[in-house]
C-alpha atoms as a PDB file:
ATOM      1  CA  UNK A   1      29.648 -13.845  17.090  1.00  0.00           C
ATOM      2  CA  UNK A   2      28.062 -10.972  15.185  1.00  0.00           C
ATOM      3  CA  UNK A   3      24.727  -9.491  16.238  1.00  0.00           C
ATOM      4  CA  UNK A   4      22.572  -7.570  13.774  1.00  0.00           C
ATOM      5  CA  UNK A   5      19.009  -6.347  14.030  1.00  0.00           C
ATOM      6  CA  UNK A   6      16.769  -6.300  10.971  1.00  0.00           C
ATOM      7  CA  UNK A   7      13.547  -4.366  10.580  1.00  0.00           C
ATOM      8  CA  UNK A   8      11.574  -2.495   7.961  1.00  0.00           C
ATOM      9  CA  UNK A   9      10.677   1.149   7.438  1.00  0.00           C
ATOM     10  CA  UNK A  10       7.195   1.835   6.181  1.00  0.00           C
ATOM     11  CA  UNK A  11       3.531   1.159   6.669  1.00  0.00           C
ATOM     12  CA  UNK A  12       2.413  -1.945   8.543  1.00  0.00           C
ATOM     13  CA  UNK A  13       5.961  -2.673   9.617  1.00  0.00           C
ATOM     14  CA  UNK A  14       5.065  -5.045  12.482  1.00  0.00           C
ATOM     15  CA  UNK A  15       3.255  -7.389  10.114  1.00  0.00           C
ATOM     16  CA  UNK A  16       6.042  -7.156   7.560  1.00  0.00           C
ATOM     17  CA  UNK A  17       8.727  -7.833  10.203  1.00  0.00           C
ATOM     18  CA  UNK A  18       6.731 -10.863  11.371  1.00  0.00           C
ATOM     19  CA  UNK A  19       6.640 -12.124   7.771  1.00  0.00           C
ATOM     20  CA  UNK A  20      10.416 -11.763   7.420  1.00  0.00           C
ATOM     21  CA  UNK A  21      10.966 -13.423  10.800  1.00  0.00           C
ATOM     22  CA  UNK A  22       8.839 -16.426   9.776  1.00  0.00           C
ATOM     23  CA  UNK A  23      10.763 -16.647   6.487  1.00  0.00           C
ATOM     24  CA  UNK A  24      14.140 -16.602   8.257  1.00  0.00           C
ATOM     25  CA  UNK A  25      12.944 -19.070  10.899  1.00  0.00           C
ATOM     26  CA  UNK A  26      12.025 -21.582   8.197  1.00  0.00           C
ATOM     27  CA  UNK A  27      15.111 -21.233   6.009  1.00  0.00           C
ATOM     28  CA  UNK A  28      17.402 -24.261   6.524  1.00  0.00           C
ATOM     29  CA  UNK A  29      20.593 -22.260   5.841  1.00  0.00           C
ATOM     30  CA  UNK A  30      19.643 -19.694   8.478  1.00  0.00           C
ATOM     31  CA  UNK A  31      18.495 -22.310  10.995  1.00  0.00           C
ATOM     32  CA  UNK A  32      21.795 -24.194  10.694  1.00  0.00           C
ATOM     33  CA  UNK A  33      24.141 -21.224  11.152  1.00  0.00           C
ATOM     34  CA  UNK A  34      22.362 -18.379  12.973  1.00  0.00           C
ATOM     35  CA  UNK A  35      19.919 -17.744  15.788  1.00  0.00           C
ATOM     36  CA  UNK A  36      16.950 -15.441  15.271  1.00  0.00           C
ATOM     37  CA  UNK A  37      14.507 -13.876  17.703  1.00  0.00           C
ATOM     38  CA  UNK A  38      12.031 -10.994  17.772  1.00  0.00           C
ATOM     39  CA  UNK A  39      12.964  -8.051  19.983  1.00  0.00           C
ATOM     40  CA  UNK A  40      11.298  -4.714  20.636  1.00  0.00           C
ATOM     41  CA  UNK A  41      12.923  -1.838  18.809  1.00  0.00           C
ATOM     42  CA  UNK A  42      13.586   1.635  20.153  1.00  0.00           C
ATOM     43  CA  UNK A  43      10.676   4.057  19.992  1.00  0.00           C
ATOM     44  CA  UNK A  44      11.064   6.834  17.462  1.00  0.00           C
ATOM     45  CA  UNK A  45      10.556  10.361  18.821  1.00  0.00           C
ATOM     46  CA  UNK A  46       6.902  11.346  18.651  1.00  0.00           C
ATOM     47  CA  UNK A  47       5.575   7.777  18.507  1.00  0.00           C
ATOM     48  CA  UNK A  48       3.786   5.723  21.127  1.00  0.00           C
ATOM     49  CA  UNK A  49       5.736   2.516  20.630  1.00  0.00           C
ATOM     50  CA  UNK A  50       8.482   0.780  18.773  1.00  0.00           C
ATOM     51  CA  UNK A  51       8.271  -1.720  15.971  1.00  0.00           C
ATOM     52  CA  UNK A  52       9.790  -5.095  16.527  1.00  0.00           C
ATOM     53  CA  UNK A  53      13.189  -5.984  15.155  1.00  0.00           C
ATOM     54  CA  UNK A  54      14.630  -9.365  14.289  1.00  0.00           C
ATOM     55  CA  UNK A  55      17.777 -10.058  16.265  1.00  0.00           C
ATOM     56  CA  UNK A  56      20.145 -12.292  14.310  1.00  0.00           C
ATOM     57  CA  UNK A  57      23.192 -13.856  15.931  1.00  0.00           C
ATOM     58  CA  UNK A  58      25.565 -14.845  13.161  1.00  0.00           C
ATOM     59  CA  UNK A  59      28.172 -17.444  13.974  1.00  0.00           C
ATOM     60  CA  UNK A  60      30.262 -17.615  10.789  1.00  0.00           C
ATOM     61  CA  UNK A  61      30.559 -16.783   7.088  1.00  0.00           C
ATOM     62  CA  UNK A  62      28.115 -19.547   6.170  1.00  0.00           C
ATOM     63  CA  UNK A  63      25.481 -17.780   8.257  1.00  0.00           C
ATOM     64  CA  UNK A  64      26.127 -14.506   6.422  1.00  0.00           C
ATOM     65  CA  UNK A  65      25.542 -16.276   3.103  1.00  0.00           C
ATOM     66  CA  UNK A  66      22.344 -17.850   4.450  1.00  0.00           C
ATOM     67  CA  UNK A  67      20.979 -14.524   5.727  1.00  0.00           C
ATOM     68  CA  UNK A  68      21.857 -12.760   2.449  1.00  0.00           C
ATOM     69  CA  UNK A  69      20.099 -15.452   0.434  1.00  0.00           C
ATOM     70  CA  UNK A  70      17.029 -15.626   2.692  1.00  0.00           C
ATOM     71  CA  UNK A  71      16.471 -11.859   2.935  1.00  0.00           C
ATOM     72  CA  UNK A  72      16.896 -11.514  -0.828  1.00  0.00           C
ATOM     73  CA  UNK A  73      14.426 -14.320  -1.539  1.00  0.00           C
ATOM     74  CA  UNK A  74      11.886 -12.901   0.942  1.00  0.00           C
ATOM     75  CA  UNK A  75      12.185  -9.425  -0.581  1.00  0.00           C
ATOM     76  CA  UNK A  76      11.750 -10.767  -4.122  1.00  0.00           C
ATOM     77  CA  UNK A  77       8.586 -12.594  -3.030  1.00  0.00           C
ATOM     78  CA  UNK A  78       6.879  -9.416  -1.784  1.00  0.00           C
ATOM     79  CA  UNK A  79       4.393  -7.357  -3.759  1.00  0.00           C
ATOM     80  CA  UNK A  80       5.197  -4.279  -1.704  1.00  0.00           C
ATOM     81  CA  UNK A  81       8.888  -3.556  -1.270  1.00  0.00           C
ATOM     82  CA  UNK A  82       9.599  -1.907   2.084  1.00  0.00           C
ATOM     83  CA  UNK A  83      12.941  -0.396   2.973  1.00  0.00           C
ATOM     84  CA  UNK A  84      15.054  -2.846   4.958  1.00  0.00           C
ATOM     85  CA  UNK A  85      16.670  -1.478   8.105  1.00  0.00           C
ATOM     86  CA  UNK A  86      19.799  -3.230   9.362  1.00  0.00           C
ATOM     87  CA  UNK A  87      21.444  -2.231  12.615  1.00  0.00           C
ATOM     88  CA  UNK A  88      25.010  -3.461  13.013  1.00  0.00           C
ATOM     89  CA  UNK A  89      26.627  -2.154  16.164  1.00  0.00           C
ATOM     90  CA  UNK A  90      26.087   1.610  16.252  1.00  0.00           C
ATOM     91  CA  UNK A  91      25.592   1.811  12.503  1.00  0.00           C
ATOM     92  CA  UNK A  92      22.144   1.850  10.930  1.00  0.00           C
ATOM     93  CA  UNK A  93      21.633   1.075   7.248  1.00  0.00           C
ATOM     94  CA  UNK A  94      18.367   1.621   5.392  1.00  0.00           C
ATOM     95  CA  UNK A  95      18.326   0.060   1.962  1.00  0.00           C
ATOM     96  CA  UNK A  96      15.664   0.067  -0.715  1.00  0.00           C
ATOM     97  CA  UNK A  97      17.301  -2.540  -2.926  1.00  0.00           C
ATOM     98  CA  UNK A  98      18.698  -5.369  -0.791  1.00  0.00           C
ATOM     99  CA  UNK A  99      20.913  -6.879  -3.443  1.00  0.00           C
ATOM    100  CA  UNK A 100      23.184  -9.715  -2.314  1.00  0.00           C
ATOM    101  CA  UNK A 101      26.254  -7.481  -2.693  1.00  0.00           C
ATOM    102  CA  UNK A 102      24.822  -4.701  -0.514  1.00  0.00           C
ATOM    103  CA  UNK A 103      23.597  -7.116   2.157  1.00  0.00           C
ATOM    104  CA  UNK A 104      26.916  -8.958   2.233  1.00  0.00           C
ATOM    105  CA  UNK A 105      28.905  -5.707   2.594  1.00  0.00           C
ATOM    106  CA  UNK A 106      26.705  -4.599   5.488  1.00  0.00           C
ATOM    107  CA  UNK A 107      26.914  -7.942   7.266  1.00  0.00           C
ATOM    108  CA  UNK A 108      30.640  -8.401   6.807  1.00  0.00           C
ATOM    109  CA  UNK A 109      31.392  -4.824   7.885  1.00  0.00           C
ATOM    110  CA  UNK A 110      32.756  -3.416   4.629  1.00  0.00           C
ATOM    111  CA  UNK A 111      29.823  -1.098   3.783  1.00  0.00           C
ATOM    112  CA  UNK A 112      31.021   1.903   5.812  1.00  0.00           C
ATOM    113  CA  UNK A 113      32.681   3.558   2.848  1.00  0.00           C
ATOM    114  CA  UNK A 114      29.983   2.684   0.344  1.00  0.00           C
ATOM    115  CA  UNK A 115      27.296   5.250   1.155  1.00  0.00           C
ATOM    116  CA  UNK A 116      24.730   2.834   2.526  1.00  0.00           C
ATOM    117  CA  UNK A 117      25.029   4.014   6.104  1.00  0.00           C
ATOM    118  CA  UNK A 118      22.385   6.183   7.690  1.00  0.00           C
ATOM    119  CA  UNK A 119      23.338   7.895  10.904  1.00  0.00           C
ATOM    120  CA  UNK A 120      20.048   8.328  12.723  1.00  0.00           C
ATOM    121  CA  UNK A 121      20.776   7.109  16.235  1.00  0.00           C
END
C-alpha cells in the first residue's frame, strides 16, 4: 500500500485543502480504491502552526488513476490555482500544473528524474 500526503502551498491553504479533501471524499473512483483522511502537517520554521494535509492510502493502480483524475478535475474547477504539494516517502513535490502525466509519475514513483522534486525536508 502506498501512502502519499497532499496539500497546497499558498494563501488560505487550510480552506483549499478542505475543499480538495471534500472533492476526493465524494469521488466514486477514489472512494472505491483509496482511503483518505485529514492529518496535521509539519510546522514550517517561523510559523505558529501547520496546515493540514490529506493522507491518501492507495491500494492499487486503479486508485492511482482515480486520484489523478479527481485532483485534475478539482484543480480545473478552481478560480485560483494553488501549487499542489505531494509528499511521497521522503520526497516532496510542488507542482503548479498538475497534469495527469505529472501526477501519475509522482504517484507511481517515476518522477525522480523528471525535475519535479523539491527537496525541502
